């Protein structure tokens, strides 16, 4: 059922780094994005795939891992993603990609979840450092980086408390807690 898949599709930040992800798995995920809706059917999104350690090592230091976890620098060796997808906008097709990146990332991550994988979407990226490291042409605008791997952590959904705090947090066992607003709070009519 789609609701179960959506609930299981969480943001994961620790992975079994030695879990190998094949390029054809990443291609299958991109195919889901390719088949998804696109504003004016322009299909301007392009992707760089990485499932090799050397290339992954170029991408990893360009990412900011968890804004609310101030004292956590990101996953340690052995807990890093096995793969990455760099999402680009081809500015020679259009500069107005509208909602395409959101639709595509959701399709990719739901597909990853269905395969027993998990991911994390990064908008906080050192873009010029990444562009240089991967030799990305200027015509491509770097939108997001998706980390993909076999999750090594448990993520639990919580209801936002009376204090209204929506910040995710980790307990002493390393379980990641994510507060969500109740349905009756987000439907206003």
N, C-alpha and C. Protein backbone atom coordinates (compact mmCIF):
# COMPACT_ATOMS: atom_id res chain seq x y z
N UNK A 1 0.84 -1.19 0.00
CA UNK A 1 0.00 0.00 0.00
C UNK A 1 0.88 1.25 0.00
N UNK A 2 0.50 2.25 -0.73
CA UNK A 2 1.33 3.45 -0.88
C UNK A 2 1.57 4.16 0.46
N UNK A 3 0.59 4.19 1.36
CA UNK A 3 0.78 4.85 2.65
C UNK A 3 1.90 4.19 3.45
N UNK A 4 1.97 2.88 3.42
CA UNK A 4 3.04 2.17 4.13
C UNK A 4 4.40 2.51 3.54
N UNK A 5 4.48 2.60 2.22
CA UNK A 5 5.72 2.95 1.56
C UNK A 5 6.14 4.38 1.92
N UNK A 6 5.19 5.31 1.94
CA UNK A 6 5.49 6.70 2.30
C UNK A 6 5.98 6.79 3.75
N UNK A 7 5.32 6.06 4.65
CA UNK A 7 5.74 6.08 6.05
C UNK A 7 7.13 5.48 6.26
N UNK A 8 7.47 4.51 5.45
CA UNK A 8 8.78 3.86 5.55
C UNK A 8 9.88 4.70 4.89
N UNK A 9 9.49 5.56 3.98
CA UNK A 9 10.44 6.42 3.26
C UNK A 9 10.84 7.59 4.17
N UNK A 10 11.87 7.42 4.94
CA UNK A 10 12.34 8.44 5.86
C UNK A 10 13.68 9.00 5.37
N UNK A 11 14.15 10.04 6.00
CA UNK A 11 15.48 10.56 5.73
C UNK A 11 16.47 9.78 6.60
N UNK A 12 17.35 9.04 5.95
CA UNK A 12 18.37 8.26 6.66
C UNK A 12 19.71 8.94 6.49
N UNK A 13 20.50 8.94 7.57
CA UNK A 13 21.81 9.58 7.54
C UNK A 13 22.95 8.63 7.90
N UNK A 14 22.63 7.40 8.24
CA UNK A 14 23.65 6.39 8.52
C UNK A 14 23.28 5.12 7.77
N UNK A 15 24.29 4.55 7.12
CA UNK A 15 24.08 3.42 6.22
C UNK A 15 25.12 2.33 6.46
N UNK A 16 24.87 1.16 5.91
CA UNK A 16 25.87 0.11 5.84
C UNK A 16 26.70 0.41 4.60
N UNK A 17 27.83 1.06 4.81
CA UNK A 17 28.63 1.55 3.67
C UNK A 17 29.12 0.41 2.77
N UNK A 18 29.33 -0.77 3.34
CA UNK A 18 29.85 -1.88 2.54
C UNK A 18 28.77 -2.59 1.74
N UNK A 19 27.50 -2.15 1.89
CA UNK A 19 26.41 -2.71 1.10
C UNK A 19 26.53 -2.16 -0.32
N UNK A 20 26.78 -3.04 -1.27
CA UNK A 20 27.02 -2.61 -2.64
C UNK A 20 25.71 -2.32 -3.38
N UNK A 21 25.68 -1.18 -4.02
CA UNK A 21 24.55 -0.81 -4.88
C UNK A 21 25.07 -0.76 -6.31
N UNK A 22 24.44 -1.53 -7.17
CA UNK A 22 24.86 -1.61 -8.58
C UNK A 22 24.36 -0.39 -9.35
N UNK A 23 25.07 -0.05 -10.39
CA UNK A 23 24.66 1.08 -11.25
C UNK A 23 23.27 0.85 -11.83
N UNK A 24 22.94 -0.40 -12.18
CA UNK A 24 21.62 -0.63 -12.78
C UNK A 24 20.50 -0.37 -11.77
N UNK A 25 20.77 -0.50 -10.47
CA UNK A 25 19.77 -0.13 -9.46
C UNK A 25 19.53 1.37 -9.50
N UNK A 26 20.60 2.15 -9.60
CA UNK A 26 20.46 3.60 -9.70
C UNK A 26 19.74 3.98 -11.00
N UNK A 27 20.05 3.29 -12.08
CA UNK A 27 19.36 3.56 -13.34
C UNK A 27 17.87 3.26 -13.23
N UNK A 28 17.51 2.20 -12.51
CA UNK A 28 16.08 1.89 -12.29
C UNK A 28 15.39 3.03 -11.53
N UNK A 29 16.09 3.60 -10.56
CA UNK A 29 15.51 4.70 -9.78
C UNK A 29 15.34 5.96 -10.65
N UNK A 30 16.32 6.23 -11.49
CA UNK A 30 16.22 7.37 -12.40
C UNK A 30 15.11 7.15 -13.41
N UNK A 31 14.88 5.92 -13.80
CA UNK A 31 13.79 5.64 -14.73
C UNK A 31 12.44 6.00 -14.11
N UNK A 32 12.30 5.79 -12.79
CA UNK A 32 11.06 6.22 -12.11
C UNK A 32 10.90 7.74 -12.22
N UNK A 33 11.99 8.47 -12.04
CA UNK A 33 11.93 9.93 -12.17
C UNK A 33 11.60 10.32 -13.61
N UNK A 34 12.20 9.64 -14.56
CA UNK A 34 11.96 9.92 -15.98
C UNK A 34 10.49 9.75 -16.35
N UNK A 35 9.84 8.76 -15.75
CA UNK A 35 8.44 8.47 -16.05
C UNK A 35 7.46 9.35 -15.28
N UNK A 36 7.97 10.13 -14.33
CA UNK A 36 7.12 10.99 -13.50
C UNK A 36 6.70 12.25 -14.25
N UNK A 37 5.74 12.95 -13.69
CA UNK A 37 5.26 14.21 -14.29
C UNK A 37 6.38 15.24 -14.38
N UNK A 38 6.28 16.10 -15.39
CA UNK A 38 7.25 17.17 -15.59
C UNK A 38 6.50 18.41 -16.07
N UNK A 39 6.78 19.57 -15.48
CA UNK A 39 6.11 20.81 -15.85
C UNK A 39 6.29 21.07 -17.35
N UNK A 40 5.18 21.29 -18.04
CA UNK A 40 5.16 21.52 -19.49
C UNK A 40 5.84 20.38 -20.25
N UNK A 41 6.04 19.26 -19.60
CA UNK A 41 6.71 18.07 -20.15
C UNK A 41 8.09 18.40 -20.73
N UNK A 42 8.75 19.40 -20.14
CA UNK A 42 10.08 19.79 -20.65
C UNK A 42 11.16 18.78 -20.32
N UNK A 43 11.04 18.08 -19.18
CA UNK A 43 11.99 17.05 -18.77
C UNK A 43 13.43 17.58 -18.74
N UNK A 44 13.68 18.65 -17.96
CA UNK A 44 15.00 19.25 -17.95
C UNK A 44 16.00 18.62 -16.96
N UNK A 45 15.54 17.68 -16.16
CA UNK A 45 16.42 17.13 -15.14
C UNK A 45 17.38 16.10 -15.73
N UNK A 46 18.62 16.19 -15.29
CA UNK A 46 19.68 15.25 -15.68
C UNK A 46 20.33 14.76 -14.38
N UNK A 47 21.06 13.65 -14.46
CA UNK A 47 21.56 13.01 -13.26
C UNK A 47 22.99 12.51 -13.45
N UNK A 48 23.76 12.63 -12.40
CA UNK A 48 25.08 11.99 -12.32
C UNK A 48 24.94 10.89 -11.28
N UNK A 49 25.34 9.68 -11.64
CA UNK A 49 25.22 8.53 -10.75
C UNK A 49 26.59 8.16 -10.20
N UNK A 50 26.61 7.78 -8.94
CA UNK A 50 27.87 7.35 -8.33
C UNK A 50 27.61 6.17 -7.41
N UNK A 51 28.30 5.07 -7.68
CA UNK A 51 28.27 3.92 -6.78
C UNK A 51 29.67 3.33 -6.63
N UNK A 52 30.68 4.13 -6.99
CA UNK A 52 32.07 3.73 -6.84
C UNK A 52 32.69 4.54 -5.71
N UNK A 53 33.50 3.89 -4.89
CA UNK A 53 34.07 4.54 -3.71
C UNK A 53 34.82 5.82 -4.06
N UNK A 54 35.65 5.80 -5.10
CA UNK A 54 36.44 6.99 -5.44
C UNK A 54 35.55 8.19 -5.75
N UNK A 55 34.49 7.96 -6.50
CA UNK A 55 33.57 9.05 -6.86
C UNK A 55 32.75 9.47 -5.63
N UNK A 56 32.32 8.47 -4.83
CA UNK A 56 31.59 8.79 -3.60
C UNK A 56 32.43 9.67 -2.68
N UNK A 57 33.72 9.37 -2.61
CA UNK A 57 34.62 10.15 -1.75
C UNK A 57 34.76 11.60 -2.20
N UNK A 58 34.51 11.87 -3.47
CA UNK A 58 34.53 13.26 -3.96
C UNK A 58 33.25 13.99 -3.56
N UNK A 59 32.14 13.28 -3.50
CA UNK A 59 30.84 13.88 -3.22
C UNK A 59 30.64 14.12 -1.73
N UNK A 60 31.00 13.15 -0.90
CA UNK A 60 30.71 13.18 0.53
C UNK A 60 31.09 14.51 1.22
N UNK A 61 32.30 15.05 1.04
CA UNK A 61 32.66 16.27 1.78
C UNK A 61 31.94 17.54 1.32
N UNK A 62 31.16 17.46 0.25
CA UNK A 62 30.44 18.64 -0.24
C UNK A 62 29.06 18.78 0.38
N UNK A 63 28.70 17.86 1.30
CA UNK A 63 27.34 17.81 1.84
C UNK A 63 27.30 18.20 3.32
N UNK A 64 26.22 18.90 3.71
CA UNK A 64 25.96 19.23 5.12
C UNK A 64 24.91 18.23 5.61
N UNK A 65 25.22 17.48 6.66
CA UNK A 65 24.47 16.28 6.98
C UNK A 65 23.24 16.42 7.84
N UNK A 66 23.18 17.29 8.83
CA UNK A 66 22.00 17.33 9.70
C UNK A 66 21.98 18.65 10.46
N UNK A 67 21.22 19.60 9.95
CA UNK A 67 21.18 20.94 10.53
C UNK A 67 20.78 20.99 11.99
N UNK A 68 19.87 20.14 12.42
CA UNK A 68 19.41 20.17 13.81
C UNK A 68 20.33 19.41 14.76
N UNK A 69 21.19 18.58 14.23
CA UNK A 69 22.12 17.82 15.08
C UNK A 69 23.47 18.54 15.05
N UNK A 70 23.56 19.63 15.78
CA UNK A 70 24.71 20.54 15.71
C UNK A 70 26.05 19.88 16.06
N UNK A 71 26.03 18.90 16.94
CA UNK A 71 27.29 18.29 17.38
C UNK A 71 27.64 17.01 16.60
N UNK A 72 26.92 16.75 15.50
CA UNK A 72 27.16 15.55 14.70
C UNK A 72 27.71 15.96 13.34
N UNK A 73 28.94 15.57 13.02
CA UNK A 73 29.55 15.99 11.75
C UNK A 73 29.11 15.19 10.52
N UNK A 74 28.29 14.19 10.72
CA UNK A 74 27.87 13.33 9.62
C UNK A 74 28.32 11.91 9.87
N UNK A 75 27.97 11.01 8.98
CA UNK A 75 28.28 9.61 9.20
C UNK A 75 29.78 9.33 9.20
N UNK A 76 30.17 8.44 10.11
CA UNK A 76 31.57 8.04 10.21
C UNK A 76 31.90 7.05 9.09
N UNK A 77 33.19 6.80 8.90
CA UNK A 77 33.62 5.76 7.97
C UNK A 77 32.87 4.49 8.30
N UNK A 78 32.37 3.81 7.30
CA UNK A 78 31.61 2.58 7.50
C UNK A 78 30.11 2.81 7.58
N UNK A 79 29.70 4.09 7.77
CA UNK A 79 28.27 4.43 7.85
C UNK A 79 27.85 5.40 6.75
N UNK A 80 28.70 5.58 5.79
CA UNK A 80 28.41 6.51 4.70
C UNK A 80 27.59 5.82 3.61
N UNK A 81 26.93 6.60 2.76
CA UNK A 81 26.11 6.01 1.69
C UNK A 81 26.96 5.20 0.71
N UNK A 82 26.33 4.21 0.10
CA UNK A 82 26.99 3.39 -0.93
C UNK A 82 26.89 4.05 -2.30
N UNK A 83 25.96 5.01 -2.44
CA UNK A 83 25.72 5.61 -3.75
C UNK A 83 25.18 7.03 -3.59
N UNK A 84 25.30 7.78 -4.65
CA UNK A 84 24.74 9.13 -4.72
C UNK A 84 24.12 9.35 -6.08
N UNK A 85 23.12 10.23 -6.09
CA UNK A 85 22.53 10.72 -7.33
C UNK A 85 22.60 12.24 -7.25
N UNK A 86 23.29 12.85 -8.19
CA UNK A 86 23.36 14.31 -8.26
C UNK A 86 22.31 14.75 -9.28
N UNK A 87 21.34 15.54 -8.82
CA UNK A 87 20.27 16.01 -9.68
C UNK A 87 20.62 17.39 -10.24
N UNK A 88 20.52 17.51 -11.54
CA UNK A 88 20.89 18.74 -12.25
C UNK A 88 19.71 19.25 -13.07
N UNK A 89 19.68 20.56 -13.27
CA UNK A 89 18.76 21.15 -14.23
C UNK A 89 19.56 21.55 -15.46
N UNK A 90 19.12 21.13 -16.62
CA UNK A 90 19.78 21.50 -17.86
C UNK A 90 19.22 22.86 -18.29
N UNK A 91 20.00 23.91 -18.05
CA UNK A 91 19.53 25.27 -18.32
C UNK A 91 19.39 25.56 -19.82
N UNK A 92 19.91 24.69 -20.67
CA UNK A 92 19.70 24.86 -22.11
C UNK A 92 18.30 24.39 -22.51
N UNK A 93 17.64 23.63 -21.64
CA UNK A 93 16.24 23.24 -21.88
C UNK A 93 15.32 24.28 -21.26
N UNK A 94 15.56 24.63 -19.99
CA UNK A 94 14.77 25.65 -19.31
C UNK A 94 15.46 26.07 -18.02
N UNK A 95 15.19 27.29 -17.60
CA UNK A 95 15.66 27.74 -16.28
C UNK A 95 14.54 27.59 -15.26
N UNK A 96 13.34 27.32 -15.71
CA UNK A 96 12.16 27.17 -14.84
C UNK A 96 11.74 25.71 -14.77
N UNK A 97 12.31 25.00 -13.84
CA UNK A 97 12.01 23.56 -13.71
C UNK A 97 10.82 23.31 -12.80
N UNK A 98 10.27 24.34 -12.24
CA UNK A 98 9.07 24.31 -11.40
C UNK A 98 9.12 23.23 -10.32
N UNK A 99 8.18 22.32 -10.32
CA UNK A 99 8.10 21.31 -9.26
C UNK A 99 8.79 20.00 -9.63
N UNK A 100 9.43 19.96 -10.77
CA UNK A 100 10.05 18.73 -11.24
C UNK A 100 11.00 18.08 -10.22
N UNK A 101 11.89 18.84 -9.57
CA UNK A 101 12.81 18.18 -8.63
C UNK A 101 12.10 17.49 -7.46
N UNK A 102 11.06 18.10 -6.93
CA UNK A 102 10.32 17.48 -5.83
C UNK A 102 9.63 16.20 -6.26
N UNK A 103 9.02 16.23 -7.42
CA UNK A 103 8.34 15.05 -7.94
C UNK A 103 9.36 13.94 -8.19
N UNK A 104 10.48 14.29 -8.81
CA UNK A 104 11.50 13.30 -9.15
C UNK A 104 12.14 12.69 -7.90
N UNK A 105 12.48 13.54 -6.91
CA UNK A 105 13.11 13.00 -5.70
C UNK A 105 12.15 12.07 -4.96
N UNK A 106 10.88 12.41 -4.90
CA UNK A 106 9.92 11.53 -4.24
C UNK A 106 9.82 10.19 -4.98
N UNK A 107 9.79 10.22 -6.29
CA UNK A 107 9.73 8.98 -7.07
C UNK A 107 10.97 8.13 -6.82
N UNK A 108 12.13 8.76 -6.84
CA UNK A 108 13.39 8.05 -6.62
C UNK A 108 13.42 7.42 -5.23
N UNK A 109 13.07 8.19 -4.21
CA UNK A 109 13.17 7.67 -2.85
C UNK A 109 12.10 6.64 -2.53
N UNK A 110 10.92 6.76 -3.11
CA UNK A 110 9.92 5.70 -2.93
C UNK A 110 10.40 4.41 -3.60
N UNK A 111 11.03 4.55 -4.76
CA UNK A 111 11.60 3.38 -5.43
C UNK A 111 12.72 2.75 -4.62
N UNK A 112 13.56 3.59 -4.02
CA UNK A 112 14.64 3.08 -3.17
C UNK A 112 14.06 2.34 -1.97
N UNK A 113 13.03 2.92 -1.37
CA UNK A 113 12.39 2.29 -0.21
C UNK A 113 11.81 0.94 -0.58
N UNK A 114 11.18 0.86 -1.73
CA UNK A 114 10.61 -0.40 -2.20
C UNK A 114 11.69 -1.47 -2.37
N UNK A 115 12.92 -1.04 -2.68
CA UNK A 115 14.03 -1.97 -2.87
C UNK A 115 14.76 -2.28 -1.56
N UNK A 116 14.24 -1.76 -0.42
CA UNK A 116 14.89 -1.99 0.86
C UNK A 116 16.03 -1.03 1.14
N UNK A 117 16.12 0.03 0.37
CA UNK A 117 17.15 1.04 0.55
C UNK A 117 16.54 2.28 1.20
N UNK A 118 17.37 3.25 1.48
CA UNK A 118 16.90 4.52 2.02
C UNK A 118 17.76 5.63 1.48
N UNK A 119 17.36 6.85 1.78
CA UNK A 119 18.12 7.97 1.25
C UNK A 119 17.97 9.23 2.05
N UNK A 120 18.70 10.23 1.59
CA UNK A 120 18.67 11.56 2.20
C UNK A 120 18.82 12.57 1.07
N UNK A 121 17.96 13.58 1.05
CA UNK A 121 18.01 14.63 0.04
C UNK A 121 18.83 15.80 0.59
N UNK A 122 19.82 16.23 -0.15
CA UNK A 122 20.66 17.36 0.27
C UNK A 122 20.42 18.56 -0.63
N UNK A 123 19.96 19.64 -0.01
CA UNK A 123 19.90 20.93 -0.70
C UNK A 123 21.09 21.78 -0.25
N UNK A 124 21.62 21.45 0.93
CA UNK A 124 22.78 22.16 1.46
C UNK A 124 24.04 21.47 0.93
N UNK A 125 24.50 22.00 -0.20
CA UNK A 125 25.61 21.40 -0.94
C UNK A 125 26.62 22.49 -1.27
N UNK A 126 27.89 22.20 -1.14
CA UNK A 126 28.94 23.12 -1.60
C UNK A 126 29.02 22.93 -3.12
N UNK A 127 28.17 23.68 -3.80
CA UNK A 127 27.95 23.43 -5.22
C UNK A 127 29.18 23.65 -6.10
N UNK A 128 29.92 24.70 -5.85
CA UNK A 128 31.09 24.95 -6.70
C UNK A 128 32.18 23.93 -6.46
N UNK A 129 32.31 23.47 -5.21
CA UNK A 129 33.27 22.41 -4.89
C UNK A 129 32.85 21.10 -5.59
N UNK A 130 31.56 20.80 -5.55
CA UNK A 130 31.05 19.59 -6.21
C UNK A 130 31.22 19.70 -7.73
N UNK A 131 30.91 20.88 -8.28
CA UNK A 131 31.05 21.09 -9.73
C UNK A 131 32.49 20.82 -10.16
N UNK A 132 33.44 21.34 -9.39
CA UNK A 132 34.85 21.14 -9.73
C UNK A 132 35.26 19.68 -9.58
N UNK A 133 34.84 19.05 -8.50
CA UNK A 133 35.23 17.66 -8.23
C UNK A 133 34.72 16.70 -9.30
N UNK A 134 33.49 16.93 -9.77
CA UNK A 134 32.89 16.03 -10.77
C UNK A 134 32.98 16.58 -12.20
N UNK A 135 33.60 17.74 -12.34
CA UNK A 135 33.76 18.37 -13.66
C UNK A 135 32.41 18.55 -14.36
N UNK A 136 31.47 19.16 -13.63
CA UNK A 136 30.12 19.39 -14.15
C UNK A 136 30.12 20.66 -14.99
N UNK A 137 29.61 20.56 -16.20
CA UNK A 137 29.55 21.72 -17.10
C UNK A 137 28.67 22.82 -16.51
N UNK A 138 28.98 24.05 -16.86
CA UNK A 138 28.26 25.22 -16.35
C UNK A 138 26.79 25.24 -16.76
N UNK A 139 26.46 24.61 -17.87
CA UNK A 139 25.06 24.61 -18.32
C UNK A 139 24.14 23.90 -17.34
N UNK A 140 24.71 23.06 -16.45
CA UNK A 140 23.91 22.29 -15.50
C UNK A 140 23.90 22.96 -14.13
N UNK A 141 22.72 23.27 -13.67
CA UNK A 141 22.53 23.83 -12.33
C UNK A 141 22.40 22.66 -11.35
N UNK A 142 23.23 22.64 -10.32
CA UNK A 142 23.16 21.57 -9.32
C UNK A 142 21.98 21.87 -8.40
N UNK A 143 21.00 20.97 -8.37
CA UNK A 143 19.80 21.16 -7.57
C UNK A 143 19.91 20.45 -6.22
N UNK A 144 20.05 19.14 -6.26
CA UNK A 144 20.10 18.32 -5.05
C UNK A 144 21.12 17.20 -5.23
N UNK A 145 21.52 16.66 -4.10
CA UNK A 145 22.27 15.41 -4.08
C UNK A 145 21.45 14.45 -3.23
N UNK A 146 21.22 13.26 -3.74
CA UNK A 146 20.52 12.21 -2.99
C UNK A 146 21.54 11.16 -2.59
N UNK A 147 21.65 10.93 -1.29
CA UNK A 147 22.48 9.85 -0.77
C UNK A 147 21.61 8.61 -0.73
N UNK A 148 22.13 7.49 -1.19
CA UNK A 148 21.36 6.24 -1.24
C UNK A 148 22.18 5.13 -0.58
N UNK A 149 21.52 4.32 0.23
CA UNK A 149 22.21 3.19 0.85
C UNK A 149 21.26 2.30 1.61
N UNK A 150 21.82 1.28 2.23
CA UNK A 150 21.07 0.38 3.09
C UNK A 150 21.05 1.03 4.47
N UNK A 151 19.87 1.45 4.98
CA UNK A 151 19.82 2.18 6.25
C UNK A 151 20.39 1.38 7.42
N UNK A 152 21.16 2.09 8.25
CA UNK A 152 21.77 1.50 9.44
C UNK A 152 21.16 2.10 10.70
N UNK A 153 20.11 2.86 10.55
CA UNK A 153 19.49 3.49 11.72
C UNK A 153 17.99 3.32 11.67
N UNK A 154 17.40 3.46 12.83
CA UNK A 154 15.95 3.38 12.95
C UNK A 154 15.42 4.81 13.04
N UNK A 155 14.38 5.08 12.27
CA UNK A 155 13.72 6.39 12.28
C UNK A 155 12.28 6.19 12.73
N UNK A 156 11.87 6.98 13.73
CA UNK A 156 10.54 6.85 14.32
C UNK A 156 9.79 8.17 14.12
N UNK A 157 8.54 8.07 13.66
CA UNK A 157 7.69 9.25 13.55
C UNK A 157 7.02 9.51 14.89
N UNK A 158 6.98 10.77 15.28
CA UNK A 158 6.34 11.20 16.52
C UNK A 158 5.30 12.27 16.16
N UNK A 159 4.38 12.53 17.06
CA UNK A 159 3.47 13.66 16.88
C UNK A 159 4.12 14.87 17.54
N UNK A 160 4.07 16.01 16.87
CA UNK A 160 4.62 17.24 17.43
C UNK A 160 3.98 17.49 18.79
N UNK A 161 4.82 17.81 19.76
CA UNK A 161 4.34 18.06 21.12
C UNK A 161 3.63 19.39 21.26
N UNK A 162 3.14 19.66 22.46
CA UNK A 162 2.42 20.90 22.73
C UNK A 162 3.30 22.14 22.58
N UNK A 163 4.62 21.94 22.67
CA UNK A 163 5.54 23.07 22.50
C UNK A 163 5.71 23.46 21.02
N UNK A 164 5.20 22.63 20.10
CA UNK A 164 5.28 22.93 18.67
C UNK A 164 6.64 22.68 18.04
N UNK A 165 7.56 22.08 18.78
CA UNK A 165 8.92 21.86 18.27
C UNK A 165 8.92 20.78 17.19
N UNK A 166 9.40 21.12 16.00
CA UNK A 166 9.43 20.20 14.87
C UNK A 166 10.84 19.66 14.61
N UNK A 167 11.81 19.99 15.45
CA UNK A 167 13.20 19.56 15.23
C UNK A 167 13.35 18.07 15.49
N UNK A 168 13.97 17.38 14.54
CA UNK A 168 14.28 15.96 14.73
C UNK A 168 15.40 15.84 15.75
N UNK A 169 15.51 14.64 16.35
CA UNK A 169 16.50 14.43 17.39
C UNK A 169 16.83 12.94 17.51
N UNK A 170 17.92 12.64 18.19
CA UNK A 170 18.32 11.24 18.44
C UNK A 170 18.32 10.98 19.93
N UNK A 171 17.81 9.80 20.30
CA UNK A 171 17.83 9.43 21.71
C UNK A 171 19.17 8.75 22.05
N UNK A 172 19.32 8.32 23.30
CA UNK A 172 20.59 7.75 23.76
C UNK A 172 20.94 6.43 23.06
N UNK A 173 19.96 5.76 22.45
CA UNK A 173 20.21 4.53 21.69
C UNK A 173 20.48 4.82 20.20
N UNK A 174 20.49 6.08 19.82
CA UNK A 174 20.75 6.45 18.44
C UNK A 174 19.53 6.39 17.54
N UNK A 175 18.34 6.19 18.13
CA UNK A 175 17.11 6.17 17.33
C UNK A 175 16.79 7.61 16.94
N UNK A 176 16.50 7.80 15.69
CA UNK A 176 16.22 9.13 15.13
C UNK A 176 14.71 9.38 15.21
N UNK A 177 14.30 10.46 15.89
CA UNK A 177 12.89 10.79 16.08
C UNK A 177 12.53 12.00 15.22
N UNK A 178 11.42 11.89 14.50
CA UNK A 178 10.98 12.95 13.59
C UNK A 178 9.56 13.36 13.95
N UNK A 179 9.37 14.55 14.53
CA UNK A 179 8.02 15.01 14.85
C UNK A 179 7.25 15.43 13.60
N UNK A 180 5.99 15.00 13.53
CA UNK A 180 5.10 15.37 12.42
C UNK A 180 3.85 16.03 13.00
N UNK A 181 3.41 17.08 12.34
CA UNK A 181 2.18 17.75 12.77
C UNK A 181 0.99 16.82 12.56
N UNK A 182 -0.01 16.87 13.46
CA UNK A 182 -1.19 16.01 13.27
C UNK A 182 -2.02 16.47 12.06
N UNK A 183 -2.72 15.53 11.46
CA UNK A 183 -3.52 15.79 10.26
C UNK A 183 -4.52 16.93 10.49
N UNK A 184 -5.19 16.94 11.64
CA UNK A 184 -6.20 17.98 11.91
C UNK A 184 -5.58 19.38 12.01
N UNK A 185 -4.27 19.45 12.22
CA UNK A 185 -3.62 20.76 12.29
C UNK A 185 -3.27 21.30 10.90
N UNK A 186 -3.10 20.41 9.94
CA UNK A 186 -2.67 20.90 8.62
C UNK A 186 -3.81 21.05 7.62
N UNK A 187 -4.96 20.51 7.94
CA UNK A 187 -6.15 20.76 7.10
C UNK A 187 -6.91 21.91 7.74
N UNK A 188 -7.01 23.03 7.04
CA UNK A 188 -7.59 24.22 7.66
C UNK A 188 -9.03 24.50 7.25
N UNK A 189 -9.59 23.71 6.39
CA UNK A 189 -11.00 23.91 6.03
C UNK A 189 -11.65 22.60 5.67
